[in-house]
N, C-alpha and C. Protein backbone atom coordinates (compact mmCIF):
# COMPACT_ATOMS: atom_id res chain seq x y z
N UNK A 1 99.21 68.45 103.38
CA UNK A 1 98.76 69.75 103.83
C UNK A 1 98.35 69.64 105.29
N UNK A 2 98.76 70.59 106.09
CA UNK A 2 98.39 70.57 107.50
C UNK A 2 96.96 71.05 107.66
N UNK A 3 96.45 70.92 108.86
CA UNK A 3 95.09 71.35 109.15
C UNK A 3 94.96 72.84 108.92
N UNK A 4 93.94 73.28 108.18
CA UNK A 4 93.78 74.72 107.93
C UNK A 4 93.50 75.46 109.24
N UNK A 5 93.89 76.72 109.30
CA UNK A 5 93.63 77.49 110.51
C UNK A 5 92.14 77.67 110.74
N UNK A 6 91.76 77.73 111.99
CA UNK A 6 90.36 77.90 112.35
C UNK A 6 90.22 79.22 113.09
N UNK A 7 89.37 80.06 112.59
CA UNK A 7 89.13 81.35 113.24
C UNK A 7 88.05 81.18 114.30
N UNK A 8 88.10 82.04 115.28
CA UNK A 8 87.10 82.04 116.33
C UNK A 8 86.07 83.11 115.99
N UNK A 9 84.78 82.73 115.89
CA UNK A 9 83.74 83.71 115.55
C UNK A 9 83.72 84.87 116.54
N UNK A 10 83.46 86.07 116.01
CA UNK A 10 83.35 87.25 116.85
C UNK A 10 84.67 87.84 117.30
N UNK A 11 85.77 87.28 116.85
CA UNK A 11 87.08 87.78 117.25
C UNK A 11 87.51 88.94 116.37
N UNK A 12 88.48 89.65 116.85
CA UNK A 12 89.10 90.77 116.13
C UNK A 12 89.65 90.24 114.80
N UNK A 13 89.26 90.84 113.69
CA UNK A 13 89.70 90.38 112.37
C UNK A 13 91.21 90.50 112.18
N UNK A 14 91.85 91.31 112.99
CA UNK A 14 93.32 91.39 112.91
C UNK A 14 93.96 90.10 113.36
N UNK A 15 93.29 89.36 114.23
CA UNK A 15 93.86 88.15 114.83
C UNK A 15 92.86 86.99 114.74
N UNK A 16 92.66 86.46 113.53
CA UNK A 16 91.62 85.44 113.35
C UNK A 16 91.86 84.16 114.14
N UNK A 17 93.09 83.86 114.51
CA UNK A 17 93.37 82.68 115.33
C UNK A 17 93.82 83.09 116.73
N UNK A 18 93.65 84.36 117.05
CA UNK A 18 94.09 84.90 118.34
C UNK A 18 95.49 85.50 118.23
N UNK A 19 95.80 86.34 119.18
CA UNK A 19 97.14 86.94 119.23
C UNK A 19 98.17 85.88 119.56
N UNK A 20 99.39 86.13 119.12
CA UNK A 20 100.47 85.21 119.49
C UNK A 20 100.68 85.30 120.99
N UNK A 21 100.81 84.16 121.62
CA UNK A 21 101.15 84.13 123.03
C UNK A 21 102.27 83.12 123.22
N UNK A 22 103.21 83.51 124.03
CA UNK A 22 104.35 82.64 124.30
C UNK A 22 103.86 81.42 125.08
N UNK A 23 104.16 80.25 124.58
CA UNK A 23 103.74 79.01 125.20
C UNK A 23 104.94 78.07 125.22
N UNK A 24 105.40 77.72 126.40
CA UNK A 24 106.60 76.89 126.54
C UNK A 24 106.46 75.55 125.83
N UNK A 25 105.27 74.95 125.88
CA UNK A 25 105.07 73.66 125.21
C UNK A 25 105.22 73.82 123.69
N UNK A 26 104.68 74.91 123.15
CA UNK A 26 104.82 75.15 121.71
C UNK A 26 106.25 75.46 121.34
N UNK A 27 106.95 76.20 122.18
CA UNK A 27 108.35 76.51 121.92
C UNK A 27 109.18 75.23 121.87
N UNK A 28 108.85 74.27 122.72
CA UNK A 28 109.58 73.01 122.78
C UNK A 28 109.18 72.03 121.68
N UNK A 29 108.05 72.27 121.03
CA UNK A 29 107.55 71.35 120.01
C UNK A 29 108.10 71.72 118.63
N UNK A 30 109.37 71.38 118.43
CA UNK A 30 110.04 71.72 117.17
C UNK A 30 109.38 71.04 115.98
N UNK A 31 108.92 69.82 116.15
CA UNK A 31 108.32 69.09 115.03
C UNK A 31 107.07 69.81 114.51
N UNK A 32 106.26 70.34 115.42
CA UNK A 32 105.05 71.06 114.99
C UNK A 32 105.41 72.32 114.22
N UNK A 33 106.39 73.05 114.71
CA UNK A 33 106.81 74.27 114.01
C UNK A 33 107.32 73.94 112.62
N UNK A 34 108.14 72.90 112.52
CA UNK A 34 108.68 72.50 111.22
C UNK A 34 107.56 72.07 110.28
N UNK A 35 106.61 71.30 110.78
CA UNK A 35 105.51 70.83 109.94
C UNK A 35 104.68 71.99 109.40
N UNK A 36 104.38 72.96 110.26
CA UNK A 36 103.59 74.12 109.82
C UNK A 36 104.37 74.94 108.80
N UNK A 37 105.66 75.15 109.06
CA UNK A 37 106.47 75.91 108.11
C UNK A 37 106.58 75.19 106.78
N UNK A 38 106.74 73.87 106.82
CA UNK A 38 106.84 73.10 105.57
C UNK A 38 105.54 73.15 104.78
N UNK A 39 104.41 73.22 105.48
CA UNK A 39 103.09 73.23 104.82
C UNK A 39 102.65 74.61 104.37
N UNK A 40 103.29 75.66 104.87
CA UNK A 40 102.83 77.02 104.56
C UNK A 40 102.70 77.29 103.06
N UNK A 41 103.69 76.96 102.22
CA UNK A 41 103.51 77.30 100.80
C UNK A 41 102.24 76.68 100.19
N UNK A 42 101.98 75.43 100.48
CA UNK A 42 100.79 74.78 99.94
C UNK A 42 99.51 75.38 100.54
N UNK A 43 99.53 75.64 101.84
CA UNK A 43 98.35 76.22 102.49
C UNK A 43 98.05 77.62 101.94
N UNK A 44 99.09 78.40 101.74
CA UNK A 44 98.90 79.75 101.21
C UNK A 44 98.43 79.70 99.76
N UNK A 45 99.03 78.83 98.97
CA UNK A 45 98.62 78.68 97.57
C UNK A 45 97.15 78.27 97.50
N UNK A 46 96.73 77.35 98.35
CA UNK A 46 95.32 76.93 98.39
C UNK A 46 94.42 78.09 98.79
N UNK A 47 94.87 78.90 99.73
CA UNK A 47 94.06 80.03 100.21
C UNK A 47 93.80 81.05 99.12
N UNK A 48 94.75 81.25 98.21
CA UNK A 48 94.58 82.27 97.16
C UNK A 48 94.16 81.67 95.82
N UNK A 49 94.05 80.35 95.76
CA UNK A 49 93.74 79.69 94.50
C UNK A 49 92.45 80.23 93.88
N UNK A 50 92.54 80.58 92.60
CA UNK A 50 91.38 81.00 91.85
C UNK A 50 90.92 82.43 92.08
N UNK A 51 91.62 83.18 92.93
CA UNK A 51 91.20 84.56 93.18
C UNK A 51 91.50 85.43 91.96
N UNK A 52 90.57 86.31 91.66
CA UNK A 52 90.75 87.25 90.55
C UNK A 52 91.68 88.39 90.98
N UNK A 53 92.07 89.19 90.03
CA UNK A 53 92.91 90.36 90.35
C UNK A 53 92.18 91.28 91.32
N UNK A 54 90.89 91.48 91.10
CA UNK A 54 90.10 92.34 92.01
C UNK A 54 90.07 91.75 93.42
N UNK A 55 89.92 90.44 93.51
CA UNK A 55 89.90 89.80 94.83
C UNK A 55 91.26 89.89 95.50
N UNK A 56 92.34 89.72 94.74
CA UNK A 56 93.69 89.84 95.30
C UNK A 56 93.95 91.26 95.79
N UNK A 57 93.25 92.22 95.22
CA UNK A 57 93.43 93.62 95.61
C UNK A 57 92.43 94.07 96.68
N UNK A 58 91.76 93.12 97.30
CA UNK A 58 90.81 93.40 98.37
C UNK A 58 91.51 93.31 99.72
N UNK A 59 91.35 94.31 100.57
CA UNK A 59 91.93 94.20 101.92
C UNK A 59 91.24 93.08 102.71
N UNK A 60 92.02 92.37 103.51
CA UNK A 60 91.44 91.27 104.29
C UNK A 60 90.61 91.78 105.46
N UNK A 61 90.79 93.06 105.81
CA UNK A 61 89.97 93.71 106.83
C UNK A 61 90.06 95.20 106.56
N UNK A 62 89.15 95.97 107.14
CA UNK A 62 89.18 97.42 106.99
C UNK A 62 90.50 97.95 107.55
N UNK A 63 91.20 98.74 106.73
CA UNK A 63 92.48 99.29 107.16
C UNK A 63 93.65 98.32 107.04
N UNK A 64 93.38 97.13 106.55
CA UNK A 64 94.43 96.11 106.42
C UNK A 64 95.01 96.06 105.02
N UNK A 65 95.99 95.21 104.87
CA UNK A 65 96.61 95.01 103.56
C UNK A 65 95.67 94.25 102.65
N UNK A 66 95.94 94.36 101.35
CA UNK A 66 95.21 93.54 100.39
C UNK A 66 95.74 92.11 100.50
N UNK A 67 95.00 91.17 99.93
CA UNK A 67 95.46 89.79 99.89
C UNK A 67 96.83 89.74 99.21
N UNK A 68 96.99 90.48 98.13
CA UNK A 68 98.27 90.52 97.40
C UNK A 68 99.40 90.99 98.32
N UNK A 69 99.18 92.09 99.02
CA UNK A 69 100.21 92.61 99.93
C UNK A 69 100.51 91.60 101.04
N UNK A 70 99.48 90.92 101.49
CA UNK A 70 99.66 89.93 102.55
C UNK A 70 100.56 88.78 102.08
N UNK A 71 100.32 88.28 100.87
CA UNK A 71 101.16 87.20 100.33
C UNK A 71 102.61 87.66 100.22
N UNK A 72 102.82 88.87 99.71
CA UNK A 72 104.19 89.39 99.59
C UNK A 72 104.81 89.65 100.96
N UNK A 73 103.99 90.10 101.92
CA UNK A 73 104.49 90.30 103.29
C UNK A 73 105.01 88.98 103.87
N UNK A 74 104.27 87.90 103.68
CA UNK A 74 104.69 86.61 104.21
C UNK A 74 106.06 86.24 103.64
N UNK A 75 106.24 86.44 102.34
CA UNK A 75 107.54 86.13 101.72
C UNK A 75 108.63 87.02 102.32
N UNK A 76 108.37 88.32 102.45
CA UNK A 76 109.37 89.23 103.03
C UNK A 76 109.72 88.81 104.46
N UNK A 77 108.70 88.58 105.26
CA UNK A 77 108.88 88.25 106.66
C UNK A 77 109.63 86.93 106.83
N UNK A 78 109.24 85.92 106.09
CA UNK A 78 109.85 84.61 106.27
C UNK A 78 111.25 84.55 105.69
N UNK A 79 111.51 85.29 104.64
CA UNK A 79 112.88 85.37 104.12
C UNK A 79 113.78 86.04 105.16
N UNK A 80 113.29 87.09 105.77
CA UNK A 80 114.04 87.79 106.82
C UNK A 80 114.28 86.85 108.01
N UNK A 81 113.26 86.12 108.41
CA UNK A 81 113.39 85.19 109.55
C UNK A 81 114.40 84.09 109.24
N UNK A 82 114.35 83.55 108.04
CA UNK A 82 115.29 82.50 107.64
C UNK A 82 116.73 83.00 107.75
N UNK A 83 116.96 84.21 107.28
CA UNK A 83 118.31 84.77 107.36
C UNK A 83 118.72 84.99 108.82
N UNK A 84 117.79 85.41 109.65
CA UNK A 84 118.11 85.60 111.08
C UNK A 84 118.48 84.27 111.74
N UNK A 85 117.80 83.19 111.37
CA UNK A 85 118.12 81.88 111.94
C UNK A 85 119.52 81.46 111.50
N UNK A 86 119.85 81.68 110.25
CA UNK A 86 121.19 81.33 109.77
C UNK A 86 122.26 82.15 110.51
N UNK A 87 121.97 83.43 110.75
CA UNK A 87 122.91 84.25 111.52
C UNK A 87 123.05 83.70 112.94
N UNK A 88 121.94 83.32 113.55
CA UNK A 88 121.97 82.79 114.91
C UNK A 88 122.79 81.50 115.00
N UNK A 89 122.79 80.73 113.93
CA UNK A 89 123.54 79.48 113.92
C UNK A 89 125.03 79.67 113.65
N UNK A 90 125.39 80.81 113.10
CA UNK A 90 126.78 81.01 112.69
C UNK A 90 127.49 82.13 113.44
N UNK A 91 126.76 82.88 114.25
CA UNK A 91 127.35 83.96 115.03
C UNK A 91 126.87 83.83 116.47
N UNK A 92 127.57 84.48 117.38
CA UNK A 92 127.21 84.42 118.79
C UNK A 92 126.22 85.52 119.13
N UNK A 93 124.94 85.19 119.21
CA UNK A 93 123.86 86.10 119.54
C UNK A 93 123.97 87.44 118.80
N UNK A 94 123.91 87.37 117.46
CA UNK A 94 124.00 88.61 116.70
C UNK A 94 122.79 89.52 116.94
N UNK A 95 123.00 90.80 116.76
CA UNK A 95 121.89 91.75 116.78
C UNK A 95 121.40 91.86 115.35
N UNK A 96 120.11 91.60 115.16
CA UNK A 96 119.53 91.65 113.82
C UNK A 96 118.89 93.00 113.59
N UNK A 97 118.75 93.34 112.33
CA UNK A 97 118.15 94.62 111.97
C UNK A 97 116.66 94.44 111.74
N UNK A 98 115.84 95.26 112.40
CA UNK A 98 114.41 95.21 112.12
C UNK A 98 114.13 95.89 110.78
N UNK A 99 112.92 95.72 110.28
CA UNK A 99 112.50 96.42 109.07
C UNK A 99 111.07 96.90 109.26
N UNK A 100 110.69 97.89 108.50
CA UNK A 100 109.36 98.46 108.61
C UNK A 100 108.43 97.73 107.65
N UNK A 101 107.75 96.71 108.16
CA UNK A 101 106.91 95.88 107.30
C UNK A 101 105.80 96.66 106.62
N UNK A 102 105.31 97.71 107.26
CA UNK A 102 104.24 98.51 106.68
C UNK A 102 104.72 99.25 105.43
N UNK A 103 105.90 99.84 105.49
CA UNK A 103 106.41 100.55 104.30
C UNK A 103 106.85 99.56 103.23
N UNK A 104 107.33 98.38 103.64
CA UNK A 104 107.66 97.36 102.64
C UNK A 104 106.41 96.96 101.88
N UNK A 105 105.28 96.85 102.57
CA UNK A 105 104.03 96.45 101.94
C UNK A 105 103.50 97.51 100.98
N UNK A 106 104.00 98.73 101.09
CA UNK A 106 103.57 99.81 100.20
C UNK A 106 104.48 99.95 98.98
N UNK A 107 105.58 99.22 98.93
CA UNK A 107 106.44 99.27 97.74
C UNK A 107 105.71 98.67 96.55
N UNK A 108 106.06 99.12 95.36
CA UNK A 108 105.34 98.74 94.14
C UNK A 108 105.24 97.24 93.94
N UNK A 109 106.32 96.50 94.22
CA UNK A 109 106.26 95.05 94.00
C UNK A 109 105.23 94.39 94.91
N UNK A 110 105.07 94.89 96.13
CA UNK A 110 104.11 94.31 97.06
C UNK A 110 102.67 94.75 96.74
N UNK A 111 102.50 95.93 96.21
CA UNK A 111 101.16 96.44 95.88
C UNK A 111 100.64 95.88 94.57
N UNK A 112 101.55 95.60 93.60
CA UNK A 112 101.08 95.25 92.26
C UNK A 112 101.65 93.95 91.70
N UNK A 113 102.67 93.39 92.32
CA UNK A 113 103.33 92.20 91.77
C UNK A 113 102.45 90.96 91.81
N UNK A 114 102.64 90.08 90.83
CA UNK A 114 101.88 88.82 90.84
C UNK A 114 102.19 88.01 92.10
N UNK A 115 101.16 87.45 92.72
CA UNK A 115 101.38 86.66 93.93
C UNK A 115 102.21 85.41 93.64
N UNK A 116 102.18 84.93 92.40
CA UNK A 116 102.96 83.74 92.07
C UNK A 116 104.45 83.93 92.34
N UNK A 117 104.93 85.16 92.22
CA UNK A 117 106.35 85.40 92.50
C UNK A 117 106.68 85.05 93.95
N UNK A 118 105.86 85.48 94.87
CA UNK A 118 106.10 85.17 96.28
C UNK A 118 105.76 83.72 96.61
N UNK A 119 104.74 83.17 95.98
CA UNK A 119 104.41 81.76 96.22
C UNK A 119 105.57 80.86 95.79
N UNK A 120 106.17 81.15 94.65
CA UNK A 120 107.31 80.36 94.18
C UNK A 120 108.52 80.55 95.09
N UNK A 121 108.74 81.78 95.54
CA UNK A 121 109.84 82.05 96.46
C UNK A 121 109.64 81.23 97.74
N UNK A 122 108.41 81.22 98.25
CA UNK A 122 108.13 80.50 99.49
C UNK A 122 108.31 78.99 99.34
N UNK A 123 108.05 78.43 98.16
CA UNK A 123 108.28 76.99 97.95
C UNK A 123 109.72 76.62 98.28
N UNK A 124 110.65 77.29 97.64
CA UNK A 124 112.06 76.98 97.87
C UNK A 124 112.54 77.38 99.25
N UNK A 125 112.11 78.56 99.69
CA UNK A 125 112.53 79.05 101.00
C UNK A 125 112.10 78.10 102.10
N UNK A 126 110.85 77.69 102.10
CA UNK A 126 110.36 76.83 103.18
C UNK A 126 110.93 75.42 103.09
N UNK A 127 111.23 74.94 101.89
CA UNK A 127 111.90 73.65 101.76
C UNK A 127 113.30 73.72 102.40
N UNK A 128 114.03 74.78 102.10
CA UNK A 128 115.36 74.96 102.71
C UNK A 128 115.26 75.15 104.21
N UNK A 129 114.32 75.97 104.65
CA UNK A 129 114.16 76.27 106.07
C UNK A 129 113.84 75.00 106.86
N UNK A 130 112.90 74.20 106.36
CA UNK A 130 112.54 72.95 107.04
C UNK A 130 113.73 71.99 107.06
N UNK A 131 114.46 71.91 105.96
CA UNK A 131 115.66 71.06 105.91
C UNK A 131 116.66 71.49 106.97
N UNK A 132 116.90 72.77 107.07
CA UNK A 132 117.83 73.29 108.07
C UNK A 132 117.34 72.99 109.48
N UNK A 133 116.07 73.28 109.76
CA UNK A 133 115.54 73.08 111.11
C UNK A 133 115.56 71.61 111.52
N UNK A 134 115.30 70.70 110.59
CA UNK A 134 115.33 69.27 110.91
C UNK A 134 116.73 68.80 111.30
N UNK A 135 117.74 69.53 110.89
CA UNK A 135 119.12 69.13 111.17
C UNK A 135 119.64 69.63 112.52
N UNK A 136 118.88 70.49 113.20
CA UNK A 136 119.39 71.13 114.41
C UNK A 136 119.42 70.18 115.61
N UNK A 137 120.46 70.35 116.40
CA UNK A 137 120.55 69.67 117.68
C UNK A 137 119.76 70.50 118.70
N UNK A 138 119.48 69.90 119.84
CA UNK A 138 118.76 70.65 120.88
C UNK A 138 119.56 71.88 121.30
N UNK A 139 120.87 71.75 121.34
CA UNK A 139 121.73 72.89 121.68
C UNK A 139 121.59 74.02 120.65
N UNK A 140 121.50 73.66 119.39
CA UNK A 140 121.35 74.68 118.35
C UNK A 140 119.99 75.40 118.44
N UNK A 141 118.94 74.69 118.85
CA UNK A 141 117.63 75.32 119.01
C UNK A 141 117.68 76.42 120.07
N UNK A 142 118.64 76.34 120.99
CA UNK A 142 118.76 77.34 122.05
C UNK A 142 119.62 78.54 121.65
N UNK A 143 120.31 78.44 120.53
CA UNK A 143 121.05 79.60 120.03
C UNK A 143 120.04 80.66 119.64
N UNK A 144 120.47 81.87 119.38
CA UNK A 144 119.51 82.88 119.00
C UNK A 144 120.13 84.18 118.59
N UNK A 145 119.33 85.19 118.59
CA UNK A 145 119.74 86.53 118.18
C UNK A 145 119.08 87.55 119.08
N UNK A 146 119.56 88.77 118.98
CA UNK A 146 118.95 89.88 119.72
C UNK A 146 118.25 90.78 118.73
N UNK A 147 116.97 90.96 118.97
CA UNK A 147 116.17 91.86 118.14
C UNK A 147 116.09 93.18 118.90
N UNK A 148 116.40 94.31 118.26
CA UNK A 148 116.40 95.60 118.98
C UNK A 148 115.08 95.95 119.67
N UNK A 149 113.96 95.46 119.15
CA UNK A 149 112.66 95.77 119.74
C UNK A 149 112.11 94.66 120.63
N UNK A 150 112.51 93.41 120.39
CA UNK A 150 111.96 92.27 121.13
C UNK A 150 112.94 91.63 122.09
N UNK A 151 114.19 92.04 122.04
CA UNK A 151 115.20 91.45 122.93
C UNK A 151 115.73 90.13 122.39
N UNK A 152 116.26 89.32 123.30
CA UNK A 152 116.86 88.04 122.92
C UNK A 152 115.77 87.02 122.58
N UNK A 153 115.97 86.32 121.48
CA UNK A 153 115.04 85.27 121.06
C UNK A 153 115.86 84.06 120.66
N UNK A 154 115.54 82.92 121.24
CA UNK A 154 116.18 81.68 120.80
C UNK A 154 115.56 81.26 119.46
N UNK A 155 116.23 80.38 118.77
CA UNK A 155 115.66 79.84 117.53
C UNK A 155 114.34 79.16 117.84
N UNK A 156 114.27 78.42 118.93
CA UNK A 156 113.03 77.74 119.31
C UNK A 156 111.89 78.74 119.52
N UNK A 157 112.18 79.86 120.19
CA UNK A 157 111.16 80.89 120.40
C UNK A 157 110.72 81.52 119.08
N UNK A 158 111.69 81.82 118.24
CA UNK A 158 111.38 82.43 116.95
C UNK A 158 110.54 81.49 116.09
N UNK A 159 110.86 80.21 116.10
CA UNK A 159 110.12 79.26 115.27
C UNK A 159 108.70 79.06 115.77
N UNK A 160 108.48 79.12 117.08
CA UNK A 160 107.11 79.04 117.60
C UNK A 160 106.31 80.25 117.12
N UNK A 161 106.94 81.41 117.09
CA UNK A 161 106.25 82.61 116.63
C UNK A 161 105.97 82.54 115.12
N UNK A 162 106.91 82.02 114.33
CA UNK A 162 106.67 81.92 112.89
C UNK A 162 105.70 80.80 112.54
N UNK A 163 105.59 79.82 113.39
CA UNK A 163 104.57 78.79 113.21
C UNK A 163 103.20 79.47 113.33
N UNK A 164 103.04 80.30 114.37
CA UNK A 164 101.80 81.06 114.53
C UNK A 164 101.60 82.02 113.35
N UNK A 165 102.64 82.74 112.96
CA UNK A 165 102.58 83.72 111.87
C UNK A 165 102.07 83.07 110.58
N UNK A 166 102.52 81.86 110.31
CA UNK A 166 102.08 81.14 109.12
C UNK A 166 100.58 80.87 109.16
N UNK A 167 100.10 80.37 110.27
CA UNK A 167 98.67 80.07 110.41
C UNK A 167 97.83 81.34 110.45
N UNK A 168 98.34 82.36 111.11
CA UNK A 168 97.67 83.65 111.29
C UNK A 168 97.33 84.29 109.93
N UNK A 169 98.30 84.38 109.04
CA UNK A 169 98.05 85.06 107.77
C UNK A 169 97.25 84.22 106.79
N UNK A 170 97.43 82.91 106.80
CA UNK A 170 96.56 82.08 105.96
C UNK A 170 95.11 82.23 106.43
N UNK A 171 94.91 82.30 107.74
CA UNK A 171 93.56 82.49 108.28
C UNK A 171 92.95 83.81 107.84
N UNK A 172 93.75 84.86 107.69
CA UNK A 172 93.21 86.12 107.19
C UNK A 172 92.54 85.91 105.84
N UNK A 173 93.21 85.20 104.96
CA UNK A 173 92.69 84.99 103.61
C UNK A 173 91.50 84.05 103.62
N UNK A 174 91.61 82.96 104.37
CA UNK A 174 90.51 81.99 104.45
C UNK A 174 89.26 82.66 105.00
N UNK A 175 89.40 83.45 106.03
CA UNK A 175 88.25 84.13 106.63
C UNK A 175 87.65 85.17 105.68
N UNK A 176 88.50 85.89 104.94
CA UNK A 176 87.99 86.85 103.96
C UNK A 176 87.17 86.13 102.90
N UNK A 177 87.69 85.00 102.43
CA UNK A 177 86.95 84.24 101.40
C UNK A 177 85.59 83.81 101.93
N UNK A 178 85.52 83.39 103.19
CA UNK A 178 84.24 82.99 103.78
C UNK A 178 83.28 84.17 103.86
N UNK A 179 83.78 85.31 104.36
CA UNK A 179 82.92 86.49 104.49
C UNK A 179 82.40 86.98 103.15
N UNK A 180 83.24 86.89 102.12
CA UNK A 180 82.89 87.41 100.80
C UNK A 180 82.23 86.34 99.91
N UNK A 181 82.12 85.11 100.41
CA UNK A 181 81.57 84.00 99.62
C UNK A 181 82.33 83.79 98.32
N UNK A 182 83.65 83.79 98.42
CA UNK A 182 84.48 83.56 97.22
C UNK A 182 84.74 82.09 97.05
């Protein structure tokens, strides 16, 4: 298990580890991104371990998603990212389709589905994703896709962002547990 995320006291609850910021050193550190992605399923499972149904249905912040929706969001987001990376490796700078994560989080499966479904999905997904990323050459890390809202993103840039995304959402749950004394 990797080091758990650490929140900064007094910070905006939307960003318990801070907002994502582009950092060239982090973009170049493929091993760190792979390690965090490989550890995400275990870290997330630990973060939600033992929570009751009522606790899973608690928003991690005012106006935010419930813990349940957050777990399902991570699965949706990371599955989408994995597919985008595969497209980037097999096509020449494809344009990927964005999705409305907020409306996805309101679908019945995300609002009411057991978190174990997404935790199990993430086990296999992240094992495959890490296996794929470990096989990439430096040239392949520079391949990428075009996102209609974010522009061109290399695989290295996308993986640095998903490394942050993994820590960011686990921190939401960890911080909620601390505040609620769960």
